Protein backbone atom coordinates (compact mmCIF):
# COMPACT_ATOMS: atom_id res chain seq x y z
CA UNK A 1 -86.33 -124.96 121.51
CA UNK A 2 -86.04 -122.00 119.28
CA UNK A 3 -83.80 -119.30 120.50
CA UNK A 4 -84.02 -115.91 118.95
CA UNK A 5 -81.73 -113.46 119.17
CA UNK A 6 -82.47 -110.30 119.80
CA UNK A 7 -81.90 -107.34 118.09
CA UNK A 8 -80.16 -105.79 120.56
CA UNK A 9 -77.67 -108.32 121.31
CA UNK A 10 -74.41 -108.13 120.25
CA UNK A 11 -73.26 -110.62 117.87
CA UNK A 12 -70.04 -111.88 116.98
CA UNK A 13 -68.27 -110.37 113.62
CA UNK A 14 -66.45 -112.33 110.97
CA UNK A 15 -63.01 -110.43 109.96
CA UNK A 16 -63.81 -108.93 106.60
CA UNK A 17 -60.81 -108.99 103.39
CA UNK A 18 -59.50 -105.87 102.31
CA UNK A 19 -61.02 -104.38 99.50
CA UNK A 20 -58.57 -104.10 96.39
CA UNK A 21 -59.17 -102.33 93.37
CA UNK A 22 -59.86 -104.65 90.36
CA UNK A 23 -57.11 -102.97 87.87
CA UNK A 24 -54.13 -102.59 90.49
CA UNK A 25 -52.94 -106.59 90.41
CA UNK A 26 -52.19 -106.27 86.35
CA UNK A 27 -50.26 -102.85 86.87
CA UNK A 28 -48.17 -104.19 89.85
CA UNK A 29 -47.23 -107.33 87.35
CA UNK A 30 -46.72 -105.08 84.81
CA UNK A 31 -44.48 -103.03 86.79
CA UNK A 32 -42.38 -106.02 87.83
CA UNK A 33 -41.93 -107.52 84.66
CA UNK A 34 -40.69 -104.10 83.09
CA UNK A 35 -38.46 -103.69 85.76
CA UNK A 36 -37.05 -107.21 85.35
CA UNK A 37 -36.64 -106.91 81.73
CA UNK A 38 -35.08 -103.76 81.84
CA UNK A 39 -32.24 -105.44 83.99
CA UNK A 40 -31.85 -107.88 81.75
CA UNK A 41 -31.77 -105.98 78.77
CA UNK A 42 -29.17 -103.46 80.71
CA UNK A 43 -27.24 -107.01 81.56
CA UNK A 44 -27.32 -107.62 77.89
CA UNK A 45 -25.94 -104.09 76.55
CA UNK A 46 -23.26 -104.58 78.97
CA UNK A 47 -22.39 -107.49 77.80
CA UNK A 48 -22.94 -106.44 74.08
CA UNK A 49 -20.45 -103.47 75.25
CA UNK A 50 -17.72 -105.80 76.46
CA UNK A 51 -18.18 -107.84 73.44
CA UNK A 52 -17.54 -105.32 71.22
CA UNK A 53 -14.68 -103.61 73.18
CA UNK A 54 -13.45 -107.37 72.91
CA UNK A 55 -13.96 -107.47 69.54
CA UNK A 56 -12.40 -103.99 68.91
CA UNK A 57 -9.22 -105.13 70.40
CA UNK A 58 -9.23 -108.12 68.38
CA UNK A 59 -9.51 -106.46 65.19
CA UNK A 60 -6.76 -103.60 66.22
CA UNK A 61 -4.57 -106.79 67.40
CA UNK A 62 -5.13 -108.32 64.07
CA UNK A 63 -4.88 -104.90 62.20
CA UNK A 64 -1.53 -104.48 63.90
CA UNK A 65 -0.36 -108.24 62.75
CA UNK A 66 -1.60 -107.59 59.04
CA UNK A 67 0.25 -104.22 59.06
CA UNK A 68 3.64 -105.94 60.07
CA UNK A 69 2.76 -108.65 57.76
CA UNK A 70 2.16 -106.27 55.07
CA UNK A 71 5.17 -104.14 55.52
CA UNK A 72 7.26 -107.27 55.83
CA UNK A 73 5.58 -108.61 52.77
CA UNK A 74 6.26 -105.15 50.70
CA UNK A 75 9.92 -105.37 52.06
CA UNK A 76 10.25 -108.70 50.52
CA UNK A 77 8.86 -107.90 47.04
CA UNK A 78 10.78 -104.97 47.10
CA UNK A 79 13.76 -107.70 47.64
CA UNK A 80 12.42 -109.92 45.20
CA UNK A 81 11.81 -106.80 42.32
CA UNK A 82 15.47 -105.73 42.76
CA UNK A 83 17.36 -108.89 42.95
CA UNK A 84 15.30 -109.67 39.90
CA UNK A 85 16.21 -106.10 38.62
CA UNK A 86 19.65 -107.15 39.32
CA UNK A 87 19.10 -110.36 37.58
CA UNK A 88 17.41 -108.85 34.91
CA UNK A 89 20.39 -106.52 33.82
CA UNK A 90 23.26 -108.96 34.68
CA UNK A 91 21.31 -111.40 31.89
CA UNK A 92 21.12 -108.34 29.71
CA UNK A 93 25.12 -107.61 30.26
CA UNK A 94 25.89 -111.53 29.43
CA UNK A 95 23.64 -111.57 26.45
CA UNK A 96 25.35 -108.23 25.51
CA UNK A 97 28.68 -109.99 25.36
CA UNK A 98 27.24 -113.01 24.32
CA UNK A 99 25.91 -111.42 21.02
CA UNK A 100 29.27 -109.46 20.69
CA UNK A 101 31.35 -112.84 21.40
CA UNK A 102 29.57 -114.83 18.96
CA UNK A 103 29.14 -111.98 16.05
CA UNK A 104 32.72 -111.08 16.38
CA UNK A 105 33.74 -114.81 16.31
CA UNK A 106 31.47 -115.88 13.56
CA UNK A 107 31.12 -113.92 10.99
CA UNK A 108 34.58 -114.25 9.06
CA UNK A 109 33.23 -117.62 9.04
CA UNK A 110 30.59 -116.86 7.47
CA UNK A 111 32.02 -114.33 5.07
CA UNK A 112 34.59 -116.42 3.68
CA UNK A 113 35.45 -120.30 2.66
CA UNK A 114 38.34 -122.28 1.50
CA UNK A 115 38.43 -123.58 -2.04
CA UNK A 116 38.52 -127.02 -2.24
CA UNK A 117 41.34 -126.93 -5.43
CA UNK A 118 43.77 -124.39 -3.57
CA UNK A 119 42.74 -124.03 -0.50
CA UNK A 120 42.28 -120.21 -0.94
CA UNK A 121 39.98 -118.22 1.19
CA UNK A 122 37.38 -116.15 -1.45
CA UNK A 123 35.27 -113.54 0.09
CA UNK A 124 31.51 -114.20 -0.29
CA UNK A 125 29.47 -112.20 -2.79
CA UNK A 126 27.96 -109.72 -1.18
CA UNK A 127 29.89 -109.60 2.15
CA UNK A 128 32.26 -107.08 1.29
CA UNK A 129 31.69 -103.77 -0.25
CA UNK A 130 33.16 -103.85 -4.03
CA UNK A 131 35.30 -101.22 -5.23
CA UNK A 132 32.29 -99.59 -6.74
CA UNK A 133 30.70 -99.56 -3.40
CA UNK A 134 33.38 -98.23 -1.43
CA UNK A 135 33.80 -95.35 -3.63
CA UNK A 136 30.20 -94.56 -3.19
CA UNK A 137 30.42 -95.14 0.28
CA UNK A 138 33.02 -92.57 0.77
CA UNK A 139 31.33 -90.19 -1.43
CA UNK A 140 27.99 -90.20 0.56
CA UNK A 141 29.78 -90.24 3.96
CA UNK A 142 30.84 -93.12 6.65
CA UNK A 143 27.51 -93.78 8.22
CA UNK A 144 25.40 -95.08 5.41
CA UNK A 145 25.85 -98.59 6.17
CA UNK A 146 22.85 -99.95 4.88
CA UNK A 147 21.83 -103.59 2.82
CA UNK A 148 20.59 -101.80 0.20
CA UNK A 149 23.26 -99.35 -1.01
CA UNK A 150 25.49 -102.24 -1.21
CA UNK A 151 22.85 -104.65 -2.98
CA UNK A 152 22.12 -102.09 -5.61
CA UNK A 153 25.80 -101.44 -6.85
CA UNK A 154 26.19 -105.70 -7.23
CA UNK A 155 27.03 -106.17 -11.27
CA UNK A 156 24.30 -108.09 -13.14
CA UNK A 157 27.29 -109.57 -15.40
CA UNK A 158 29.18 -110.98 -12.25
CA UNK A 159 25.60 -112.55 -11.16
CA UNK A 160 25.14 -114.08 -14.67
CA UNK A 161 29.04 -115.49 -14.78
CA UNK A 162 28.73 -117.16 -11.16
CA UNK A 163 25.36 -118.37 -12.06
CA UNK A 164 26.86 -120.46 -15.43
CA UNK A 165 29.71 -121.54 -13.53
CA UNK A 166 32.31 -119.61 -15.32
CA UNK A 167 35.57 -118.26 -13.95
CA UNK A 168 36.41 -114.53 -14.50
CA UNK A 169 39.50 -112.55 -13.83
CA UNK A 170 39.32 -110.38 -11.07
CA UNK A 171 40.99 -106.56 -10.81
CA UNK A 172 44.06 -108.43 -9.44
CA UNK A 173 44.45 -110.63 -12.57
CA UNK A 174 43.53 -113.71 -10.56
CA UNK A 175 40.69 -116.29 -11.52
CA UNK A 176 37.50 -116.45 -9.38
CA UNK A 177 35.98 -119.72 -8.55
CA UNK A 178 32.53 -120.17 -8.84
CA UNK A 179 30.62 -119.64 -5.30
CA UNK A 180 29.24 -122.68 -3.92
CA UNK A 181 25.47 -122.76 -3.37
CA UNK A 182 24.40 -122.38 0.08
CA UNK A 183 22.88 -125.17 1.76
CA UNK A 184 19.11 -125.32 3.40
CA UNK A 185 20.46 -125.74 6.62
CA UNK A 186 23.47 -123.08 6.17
CA UNK A 187 20.28 -120.33 5.15
CA UNK A 188 18.45 -121.54 7.99
CA UNK A 189 21.35 -120.89 10.34
CA UNK A 190 21.83 -117.12 8.57
CA UNK A 191 18.34 -116.23 9.04
CA UNK A 192 18.35 -117.16 12.85
CA UNK A 193 18.13 -114.05 15.04
CA UNK A 194 21.03 -112.94 16.72
CA UNK A 195 19.35 -111.90 19.59
CA UNK A 196 16.06 -112.93 20.85
CA UNK A 197 13.61 -109.78 21.37
CA UNK A 198 12.70 -108.41 24.92
CA UNK A 199 9.28 -108.45 25.70
CA UNK A 200 7.38 -105.86 27.98
CA UNK A 201 9.68 -103.04 27.99
CA UNK A 202 8.21 -99.56 28.06
CA UNK A 203 11.07 -98.52 25.85
CA UNK A 204 11.03 -99.81 21.89
CA UNK A 205 14.51 -99.93 20.54
CA UNK A 206 15.63 -100.78 16.91
CA UNK A 207 17.70 -100.01 14.38
CA UNK A 208 17.35 -98.67 10.60
CA UNK A 209 17.80 -101.83 8.71
CA UNK A 210 17.37 -102.75 4.82
CA UNK A 211 14.49 -103.12 2.63
CA UNK A 212 16.19 -104.92 0.01
CA UNK A 213 13.99 -107.08 -2.76
CA UNK A 214 10.62 -105.29 -0.90
CA UNK A 215 9.70 -103.24 1.89
CA UNK A 216 8.25 -106.16 4.03
CA UNK A 217 11.98 -107.60 4.29
CA UNK A 218 12.67 -104.72 6.66
CA UNK A 219 10.17 -106.65 9.40
CA UNK A 220 12.25 -109.98 9.23
CA UNK A 221 15.34 -107.82 9.13
CA UNK A 222 14.54 -105.90 12.49
CA UNK A 223 13.47 -109.57 14.41
CA UNK A 224 16.77 -110.55 12.79
CA UNK A 225 18.81 -108.24 15.52
CA UNK A 226 16.32 -108.33 18.24
CA UNK A 227 14.38 -105.14 17.50
CA UNK A 228 11.24 -103.96 19.07
CA UNK A 229 11.37 -100.91 16.49
CA UNK A 230 12.88 -99.93 13.42
CA UNK A 231 13.39 -97.71 10.57
CA UNK A 232 14.08 -97.79 6.83
CA UNK A 233 14.03 -96.40 3.37
CA UNK A 234 10.41 -97.00 1.52
CA UNK A 235 12.46 -96.93 -1.57
CA UNK A 236 15.85 -95.84 -3.01
CA UNK A 237 17.01 -92.66 -1.15
CA UNK A 238 19.60 -92.04 -4.22
CA UNK A 239 17.28 -91.83 -7.18
CA UNK A 240 14.26 -89.81 -8.12
CA UNK A 241 12.36 -92.52 -10.31
CA UNK A 242 11.11 -95.62 -8.45
CA UNK A 243 8.93 -98.10 -9.11
CA UNK A 244 5.37 -97.92 -7.38
CA UNK A 245 4.72 -99.92 -4.40
CA UNK A 246 3.68 -103.77 -4.84
CA UNK A 247 0.50 -104.78 -3.62
CA UNK A 248 1.89 -108.10 -2.75
CA UNK A 249 4.88 -106.01 -0.62
CA UNK A 250 2.57 -104.28 1.40
CA UNK A 251 0.19 -107.14 1.86
CA UNK A 252 3.34 -109.09 3.31
CA UNK A 253 4.21 -106.10 5.14
CA UNK A 254 1.11 -105.95 7.10
CA UNK A 255 0.91 -109.47 7.65
CA UNK A 256 4.44 -109.45 9.07
CA UNK A 257 3.92 -106.77 11.22
CA UNK A 258 0.95 -108.81 12.94
CA UNK A 259 2.88 -111.81 13.01
CA UNK A 260 5.91 -110.34 14.94
CA UNK A 261 3.43 -107.97 17.05
CA UNK A 262 4.82 -104.74 15.63
CA UNK A 263 2.49 -101.84 15.76
CA UNK A 264 3.28 -100.06 12.42
CA UNK A 265 1.46 -96.84 13.68
CA UNK A 266 4.03 -96.35 16.73
CA UNK A 267 6.82 -98.05 16.07
CA UNK A 268 8.12 -97.91 12.62
CA UNK A 269 9.82 -94.86 11.21
CA UNK A 270 10.71 -94.70 7.78
CA UNK A 271 13.46 -92.34 6.76
CA UNK A 272 12.87 -89.78 3.59
CA UNK A 273 14.93 -89.43 0.56
CA UNK A 274 18.28 -87.55 0.82
CA UNK A 275 17.04 -86.03 -2.43
CA UNK A 276 14.35 -84.04 -1.34
CA UNK A 277 14.51 -80.45 -0.20
CA UNK A 278 11.13 -78.70 0.59
CA UNK A 279 12.79 -75.54 0.97
CA UNK A 280 13.77 -75.51 -2.53
CA UNK A 281 13.27 -72.07 -4.47
CA UNK A 282 13.20 -73.36 -7.80
CA UNK A 283 9.78 -74.15 -8.84
CA UNK A 284 10.41 -77.04 -11.54
CA UNK A 285 12.89 -78.67 -8.44
CA UNK A 286 10.67 -77.97 -5.91
CA UNK A 287 7.82 -79.64 -7.58
CA UNK A 288 10.07 -82.98 -8.21
CA UNK A 289 10.96 -82.98 -4.36
CA UNK A 290 7.54 -82.93 -3.12
CA UNK A 291 6.22 -85.34 -5.53
CA UNK A 292 8.89 -87.83 -4.21
CA UNK A 293 8.01 -86.64 -0.60
CA UNK A 294 4.34 -86.79 -1.32
CA UNK A 295 4.93 -90.41 -2.60
CA UNK A 296 6.50 -91.51 0.59
CA UNK A 297 3.85 -90.48 2.69
CA UNK A 298 1.29 -92.28 0.07
CA UNK A 299 3.07 -95.50 0.60
CA UNK A 300 3.19 -94.71 4.75
CA UNK A 301 -0.88 -94.59 4.18
CA UNK A 302 -0.59 -97.82 2.15
CA UNK A 303 1.44 -99.62 4.90
CA UNK A 304 -0.39 -98.17 8.04
CA UNK A 305 2.48 -96.35 8.67
CA UNK A 306 1.96 -93.00 11.01
CA UNK A 307 5.30 -91.65 11.55
CA UNK A 308 8.05 -90.54 8.87
CA UNK A 309 11.01 -89.01 9.52
CA UNK A 310 12.61 -86.76 7.04
CA UNK A 311 15.46 -84.01 6.47
CA UNK A 312 13.85 -80.64 6.69
CA UNK A 313 15.93 -79.15 4.06
CA UNK A 314 18.94 -76.31 3.21
CA UNK A 315 18.20 -72.83 2.15
CA UNK A 316 20.57 -72.48 -0.50
CA UNK A 317 20.90 -68.44 -1.68
CA UNK A 318 17.67 -67.62 -0.33
CA UNK A 319 16.81 -66.11 3.44
CA UNK A 320 16.30 -68.76 5.94
CA UNK A 321 13.03 -67.30 6.65
CA UNK A 322 11.83 -67.44 3.04
CA UNK A 323 12.97 -71.19 2.99
CA UNK A 324 11.04 -71.92 6.29
CA UNK A 325 8.00 -70.63 4.81
CA UNK A 326 8.08 -73.33 1.77
CA UNK A 327 8.88 -76.05 3.75
CA UNK A 328 5.67 -75.81 6.09
CA UNK A 329 3.71 -74.65 2.91
CA UNK A 330 4.77 -78.12 1.22
CA UNK A 331 3.63 -79.97 4.43
CA UNK A 332 -0.24 -78.13 4.52
CA UNK A 333 -0.01 -79.54 0.70
CA UNK A 334 0.86 -82.78 1.78
CA UNK A 335 -1.37 -83.09 4.61
CA UNK A 336 -4.28 -82.37 2.22
CA UNK A 337 -3.43 -85.39 -0.23
CA UNK A 338 -3.12 -88.18 2.85
CA UNK A 339 -4.80 -89.02 5.60
CA UNK A 340 -2.88 -90.84 8.67
CA UNK A 341 0.74 -89.84 8.37
CA UNK A 342 2.83 -87.40 10.71
CA UNK A 343 5.80 -86.31 8.97
CA UNK A 344 8.90 -85.82 11.35
CA UNK A 345 11.28 -82.73 11.61
CA UNK A 346 14.59 -84.33 12.00
CA UNK A 347 17.02 -82.08 14.21
CA UNK A 348 20.18 -81.43 12.24
CA UNK A 349 24.07 -80.81 13.22
CA UNK A 350 23.71 -77.52 11.19
CA UNK A 351 26.82 -77.16 9.12
CA UNK A 352 26.29 -75.08 5.92
CA UNK A 353 22.90 -73.86 5.30
CA UNK A 354 21.00 -76.65 6.51
CA UNK A 355 17.90 -76.40 8.37
CA UNK A 356 16.76 -77.57 11.69
CA UNK A 357 20.02 -77.39 13.36
CA UNK A 358 18.19 -75.19 16.50
CA UNK A 359 15.38 -76.06 18.01
CA UNK A 360 14.05 -72.38 17.05
CA UNK A 361 14.01 -73.57 13.48
CA UNK A 362 11.47 -76.46 14.09
CA UNK A 363 9.48 -74.04 16.50
CA UNK A 364 8.96 -71.97 13.27
CA UNK A 365 8.19 -74.64 10.72
CA UNK A 366 5.76 -76.14 13.36
CA UNK A 367 4.22 -72.28 13.78
CA UNK A 368 3.38 -72.28 10.01
CA UNK A 369 1.73 -75.54 9.91
CA UNK A 370 -2.17 -75.61 9.92
CA UNK A 371 -2.63 -79.27 11.39
CA UNK A 372 -0.66 -79.04 14.42
CA UNK A 373 -1.69 -82.81 15.25
CA UNK A 374 0.25 -84.16 11.99
CA UNK A 375 3.63 -82.75 12.75
CA UNK A 376 6.28 -83.75 14.99
CA UNK A 377 9.80 -84.10 15.66
CA UNK A 378 12.91 -86.72 15.45
CA UNK A 379 15.65 -85.60 18.02
CA UNK A 380 18.99 -87.55 16.97
CA UNK A 381 21.30 -87.49 19.79
CA UNK A 382 24.41 -87.30 17.53
CA UNK A 383 23.06 -84.16 15.57
CA UNK A 384 21.98 -82.25 18.41
CA UNK A 385 25.29 -82.52 20.19
CA UNK A 386 27.27 -81.70 17.31
CA UNK A 387 24.62 -78.55 17.09
CA UNK A 388 25.62 -77.89 20.73
CA UNK A 389 23.30 -79.01 22.93
CA UNK A 390 24.62 -81.40 25.64
CA UNK A 391 23.28 -84.50 26.56
CA UNK A 392 26.26 -85.76 28.82
CA UNK A 393 25.47 -85.20 32.46
CA UNK A 394 22.22 -85.69 34.16
CA UNK A 395 22.38 -82.14 34.34
CA UNK A 396 23.13 -81.25 30.71
CA UNK A 397 20.39 -83.74 29.83
CA UNK A 398 17.80 -82.04 31.75
CA UNK A 399 18.66 -78.79 30.75
CA UNK A 400 18.68 -79.67 26.66
CA UNK A 401 15.08 -81.39 27.35
CA UNK A 402 13.89 -78.33 29.17
CA UNK A 403 15.24 -75.97 26.28
CA UNK A 404 13.01 -78.12 23.69
CA UNK A 405 10.06 -78.27 26.10
CA UNK A 406 10.05 -74.46 26.34
CA UNK A 407 11.25 -74.01 22.62
CA UNK A 408 9.62 -76.31 20.57
CA UNK A 409 7.25 -78.26 23.07
CA UNK A 410 7.53 -81.90 24.30
CA UNK A 411 4.21 -82.76 22.81
CA UNK A 412 5.92 -82.81 19.47
CA UNK A 413 8.90 -85.22 19.90
CA UNK A 414 7.62 -88.15 18.56
CA UNK A 415 11.14 -90.47 17.69
CA UNK A 416 14.83 -90.24 18.63
CA UNK A 417 17.69 -91.86 16.24
CA UNK A 418 19.97 -92.79 19.04
CA UNK A 419 23.66 -92.23 17.84
CA UNK A 420 27.17 -91.32 19.58
CA UNK A 421 29.21 -88.45 17.95
CA UNK A 422 32.70 -88.82 16.50
CA UNK A 423 33.03 -84.89 16.46
CA UNK A 424 33.16 -83.12 19.87
CA UNK A 425 30.20 -80.84 21.20
CA UNK A 426 29.37 -77.97 18.89
CA UNK A 427 31.31 -79.16 16.20
CA UNK A 428 28.45 -78.85 13.37
CA UNK A 429 30.07 -82.40 12.16
CA UNK A 430 27.10 -85.01 11.42
CA UNK A 431 29.39 -88.12 12.05
CA UNK A 432 27.73 -90.83 13.96
CA UNK A 433 29.88 -93.35 16.19
CA UNK A 434 28.94 -96.87 17.93
CA UNK A 435 27.19 -96.22 21.61
CA UNK A 436 29.79 -95.44 23.99
CA UNK A 437 32.76 -95.04 21.93
CA UNK A 438 32.66 -91.42 21.09
CA UNK A 439 32.04 -87.84 22.61
CA UNK A 440 28.98 -88.55 23.85
CA UNK A 441 29.74 -91.57 26.00
CA UNK A 442 27.82 -94.07 27.72
CA UNK A 443 26.37 -92.01 30.51
CA UNK A 444 24.63 -89.93 27.65
CA UNK A 445 22.44 -93.31 26.73
CA UNK A 446 21.96 -94.44 30.62
CA UNK A 447 20.06 -90.54 30.88
CA UNK A 448 18.16 -91.37 27.58
CA UNK A 449 17.29 -94.72 28.60
CA UNK A 450 15.88 -93.61 31.85
CA UNK A 451 14.06 -90.81 30.82
CA UNK A 452 10.26 -91.18 31.67
CA UNK A 453 9.03 -89.06 28.57
CA UNK A 454 10.68 -91.21 25.94
CA UNK A 455 8.36 -94.29 27.19
CA UNK A 456 6.38 -95.73 23.98
CA UNK A 457 8.42 -93.85 21.23
CA UNK A 458 10.60 -95.67 18.89
CA UNK A 459 14.33 -95.41 19.30
CA UNK A 460 16.39 -96.08 16.52
CA UNK A 461 19.97 -96.71 16.15
CA UNK A 462 21.77 -95.56 13.08
CA UNK A 463 25.54 -96.63 14.35
CA UNK A 464 28.09 -97.79 11.70
CA UNK A 465 28.21 -101.66 11.58
CA UNK A 466 31.37 -102.24 9.15
CA UNK A 467 34.35 -103.85 10.81
CA UNK A 468 37.26 -105.39 9.53
CA UNK A 469 36.97 -109.22 8.75
CA UNK A 470 40.15 -111.88 9.38
CA UNK A 471 41.44 -110.81 6.08
CA UNK A 472 41.61 -106.76 6.59
CA UNK A 473 38.10 -106.61 4.65
CA UNK A 474 35.41 -104.43 5.50
CA UNK A 475 32.34 -106.55 6.00
CA UNK A 476 28.82 -105.55 7.44
CA UNK A 477 28.36 -107.10 10.95
CA UNK A 478 24.69 -106.80 12.24
CA UNK A 479 25.72 -108.12 15.27
CA UNK A 480 26.98 -104.73 16.32
CA UNK A 481 23.12 -103.46 16.43
CA UNK A 482 22.01 -106.67 18.06
CA UNK A 483 24.72 -105.92 20.89
CA UNK A 484 23.73 -102.31 21.52
CA UNK A 485 20.13 -102.74 21.58
CA UNK A 486 20.76 -105.26 24.59
CA UNK A 487 22.98 -102.79 26.10
CA UNK A 488 20.55 -100.07 26.08
CA UNK A 489 18.00 -102.30 27.30
CA UNK A 490 19.99 -103.37 30.34
CA UNK A 491 20.80 -99.46 30.87
CA UNK A 492 17.05 -99.41 32.13
CA UNK A 493 16.94 -99.22 36.03
CA UNK A 494 20.52 -99.65 35.98
CA UNK A 495 22.66 -97.65 38.54
CA UNK A 496 25.01 -95.42 36.91
CA UNK A 497 27.15 -95.50 40.02
CA UNK A 498 27.20 -99.29 40.34
CA UNK A 499 30.44 -101.56 39.30
CA UNK A 500 28.46 -103.16 36.15
CA UNK A 501 27.87 -99.70 34.70
CA UNK A 502 31.72 -98.39 35.46
CA UNK A 503 32.90 -101.57 34.05
CA UNK A 504 30.84 -101.17 30.45
CA UNK A 505 31.55 -97.67 30.40
CA UNK A 506 35.15 -97.82 30.64
CA UNK A 507 35.44 -100.82 28.62
CA UNK A 508 33.78 -98.66 25.42
CA UNK A 509 35.57 -95.47 26.40
CA UNK A 510 38.75 -97.01 25.73
CA UNK A 511 37.98 -98.68 22.73
CA UNK A 512 37.36 -95.50 21.15
CA UNK A 513 39.75 -93.45 22.88
CA UNK A 514 42.21 -93.12 19.48
CA UNK A 515 39.56 -91.93 17.29
CA UNK A 516 38.52 -89.41 19.82
CA UNK A 517 41.72 -87.93 20.10
CA UNK A 518 42.32 -87.81 16.52
CA UNK A 519 39.24 -85.54 16.06
CA UNK A 520 39.60 -83.67 19.13
CA UNK A 521 43.26 -82.56 17.80
CA UNK A 522 41.30 -81.77 14.58
CA UNK A 523 38.99 -79.79 16.04
CA UNK A 524 41.27 -77.94 18.52
CA UNK A 525 43.72 -77.13 15.56
CA UNK A 526 41.07 -75.82 13.14
CA UNK A 527 39.65 -73.61 16.05
CA UNK A 528 43.26 -72.52 16.88
CA UNK A 529 43.88 -71.42 12.98
CA UNK A 530 40.47 -69.36 12.74
CA UNK A 531 41.11 -67.56 16.18
CA UNK A 532 44.89 -66.70 14.77
CA UNK A 533 43.37 -65.41 11.35
CA UNK A 534 40.75 -63.29 13.41
CA UNK A 535 37.65 -64.84 11.84
CA UNK A 536 34.65 -64.92 14.32
CA UNK A 537 33.27 -68.22 13.26
CA UNK A 538 30.99 -71.04 15.19
CA UNK A 539 30.41 -73.50 12.49
CA UNK A 540 33.69 -74.97 11.62
CA UNK A 541 34.49 -76.88 8.83
CA UNK A 542 36.34 -79.53 11.32
CA UNK A 543 39.92 -80.40 10.25
CA UNK A 544 39.41 -79.68 6.66
CA UNK A 545 40.06 -76.86 4.23
CA UNK A 546 37.58 -74.20 3.94
CA UNK A 547 34.86 -75.82 1.73
CA UNK A 548 34.68 -74.03 -1.47
CA UNK A 549 31.23 -72.31 -2.26
CA UNK A 550 28.92 -74.95 -4.16
CA UNK A 551 26.45 -73.59 -6.53
CA UNK A 552 23.09 -74.39 -5.81
CA UNK A 553 22.65 -76.27 -9.39
CA UNK A 554 25.49 -78.40 -7.64
CA UNK A 555 23.54 -79.25 -4.50
CA UNK A 556 20.38 -79.72 -6.20
CA UNK A 557 21.73 -82.51 -8.80
CA UNK A 558 23.91 -83.98 -6.90
CA UNK A 559 22.79 -83.75 -3.51
CA UNK A 560 26.14 -82.88 -2.12
CA UNK A 561 25.77 -81.09 0.95
CA UNK A 562 27.28 -80.74 3.89
CA UNK A 563 24.67 -83.32 5.90
CA UNK A 564 25.30 -86.67 4.20
CA UNK A 565 24.26 -89.26 6.61
CA UNK A 566 21.32 -89.78 8.58
């Protein structure tokens, strides 16, 4: 039976689910996900921060370790450098001593030999100066000791007779025996360098070597003594007329410079003729001197040489300013006629009427030169010491250089002649002495070799190289230059208070003591004599009777100036 529910009757209701907005569920999920992501990112940031801190601490630790290691390495490196410097100085000192011992013991053997017939010893021709050479040497001064002067005085007749094997009487009436020809081995042994050249130095040291038989031979002569710089004459310095430079000699010179790595533009310093006086007042003689001067500069151009040293000149009877003006005028003419060479005014010792014995003289000449880039100065340590500029102590050395810089200008200093002095300070005497034996002493050259402003300049020795052989004869010993070069190189960076320096300084000073005493006594005696006469004289004639006035003619003809040596 169908039962119909009445509308009014109560009915059982079914529970209903809550109504939910359709967009609410994704938003909730998104919020939850964002919260979780933020938490993860925060955790990652914390981790990264911790890692960064750890890395920074690690880097800091590594840097500290590295700094310690670097400091240790630097200290070790400095120790190695110091030890290396000491080893080099000791080696240089040993080489200096070895060169000295070798040349002293071997030179007499090279210069003399025993004759087979009588067992007599005879000097090797050309090894000892002949009487004629000795006379020339006495006339020109004790410091001009170069092979060219000796070679030029050899007699042709003597050579001819020796070639034919004839015997001839010498000055004592004894008979000479024909000299045995040297073997190839003997010639090669003589050509071997006396000392090896030192590479890598900032100081370029050498000597004034011979250019006998061609200017190209000066290069091999410089190699022979272990020099990294050198000077020479470009032609005979004692006569006006000279043959022109041969093309073959020019090409050989350039080739030898390249082969032996000499920079002709910087480290080769030719020396001018003694005859030339650019201050000459007489027109004819002025032209003669200028032409000889210009010829030298043109030879420099041809050889690729950029520096040329010369004595400025002497006033004669003319006023000093006028003489200085003529020097500058000649230099301006020479600049116009040449291309690359720079003439260097040599500082002089100051005797007589010589120009260039004061820094003011050099300044005044330079002031009148038009091309300032092609003019310079060469300081000679012996000359300026004799002129009154002290170099012996570090303080005196600094004061002299400061004075030069203020008056002339350090930019004009292009070369130095390195010589000790036989004469005292302010004696105005040009007398060269071997290093350490004279009044300058070894400390002056220690100052010089450790002066940064001299790096790269040619430093040229002009010290005497004559000594007595075992028979008492004067011979030329180039080993003296080889020894002095090594000694100067050893002074670079050396402690002047070290035992090695003190020993070397005393040894050399003792060797020259007797000669210094002799010159000092003469200097004081002359000074006292002048004081007693009541004369105010600053330029002393140094132990000799007052020289007679020399006429301008005799000075120009014979070159008999008071400045006779380099």
